[in-house]
Protein backbone atom coordinates (compact mmCIF):
# COMPACT_ATOMS: atom_id res chain seq x y z
CA UNK A 1 119.57 122.95 146.52
CA UNK A 2 122.69 122.66 148.38
CA UNK A 3 122.41 118.69 148.77
CA UNK A 4 120.91 117.13 145.75
CA UNK A 5 121.75 113.56 146.80
CA UNK A 6 119.55 113.59 149.60
CA UNK A 7 116.51 114.05 146.85
CA UNK A 8 118.03 111.14 145.01
CA UNK A 9 118.73 113.32 142.11
CA UNK A 10 120.94 111.05 139.78
CA UNK A 11 124.99 111.53 139.51
CA UNK A 12 124.91 112.59 135.73
CA UNK A 13 122.61 115.82 136.79
CA UNK A 14 125.42 117.07 139.17
CA UNK A 15 127.95 119.61 137.96
CA UNK A 16 131.29 117.95 139.84
CA UNK A 17 131.29 114.42 138.84
CA UNK A 18 133.90 112.10 139.97
CA UNK A 19 136.25 114.57 141.64
CA UNK A 20 139.88 114.16 140.96
CA UNK A 21 140.90 115.05 144.53
CA UNK A 22 138.58 112.58 146.19
CA UNK A 23 136.44 110.72 143.42
CA UNK A 24 132.94 112.14 144.89
CA UNK A 25 130.15 113.51 143.19
CA UNK A 26 128.85 116.84 144.37
CA UNK A 27 126.97 120.02 143.39
CA UNK A 28 129.08 123.36 143.67
CA UNK A 29 127.63 126.57 144.09
CA UNK A 30 128.82 130.05 142.56
CA UNK A 31 132.20 130.86 144.28
CA UNK A 32 133.03 127.30 145.06
CA UNK A 33 132.42 126.24 141.62
CA UNK A 34 134.69 128.97 140.12
CA UNK A 35 137.35 127.90 142.73
CA UNK A 36 137.16 124.21 141.54
CA UNK A 37 137.63 125.16 137.72
CA UNK A 38 140.54 127.56 138.17
CA UNK A 39 142.40 124.89 140.48
CA UNK A 40 141.33 122.02 137.52
CA UNK A 41 142.88 124.53 134.83
CA UNK A 42 146.24 125.25 137.01
CA UNK A 43 146.30 121.44 137.93
CA UNK A 44 146.32 120.55 134.00
CA UNK A 45 149.08 123.45 133.53
CA UNK A 46 151.14 122.26 136.22
CA UNK A 47 151.26 118.49 134.64
CA UNK A 48 151.86 120.14 131.25
CA UNK A 49 149.08 118.01 129.55
CA UNK A 50 147.91 118.78 126.22
CA UNK A 51 144.97 120.79 127.27
CA UNK A 52 146.60 122.63 129.78
CA UNK A 53 149.29 123.84 127.29
CA UNK A 54 146.63 124.76 125.13
CA UNK A 55 145.21 126.98 127.97
CA UNK A 56 148.29 128.44 128.98
CA UNK A 57 148.71 129.65 125.19
CA UNK A 58 145.33 130.94 124.95
CA UNK A 59 144.48 128.66 121.99
CA UNK A 60 141.40 126.29 121.39
CA UNK A 61 141.39 123.31 123.42
CA UNK A 62 138.87 121.06 122.04
CA UNK A 63 140.16 120.35 118.74
CA UNK A 64 138.59 123.03 116.85
CA UNK A 65 140.82 123.85 113.60
CA UNK A 66 142.69 127.34 114.10
CA UNK A 67 144.08 128.15 110.73
CA UNK A 68 141.41 130.70 109.88
CA UNK A 69 139.08 131.16 112.76
CA UNK A 70 139.87 132.36 116.16
CA UNK A 71 142.33 134.97 115.33
CA UNK A 72 142.95 137.87 117.78
CA UNK A 73 145.00 141.09 117.46
CA UNK A 74 145.27 143.64 114.58
CA UNK A 75 144.20 142.93 111.11
CA UNK A 76 146.92 143.09 108.28
CA UNK A 77 145.54 144.98 105.40
CA UNK A 78 146.49 144.10 101.71
CA UNK A 79 147.83 147.07 99.29
CA UNK A 80 146.67 146.85 95.83
CA UNK A 81 149.15 147.43 93.06
CA UNK A 82 148.56 151.09 91.02
């Protein structure tokens, strides 16, 4: 459905609510949606917001704890005493 507003679908059901560029509600499809999401992340990184910096560093963005979970890379083993 390319134009859901014509069928009186409510704004909260659309996947692009209150766009930062024009402030309108819209429904985006496949490639356009991916492009907009990428532009949003680039904007967050460019303005150096907290979320943008976390995205840039590859860390969790939504407030999760990161002390023990979400570790990546090679694991370091522990050697036992003989």
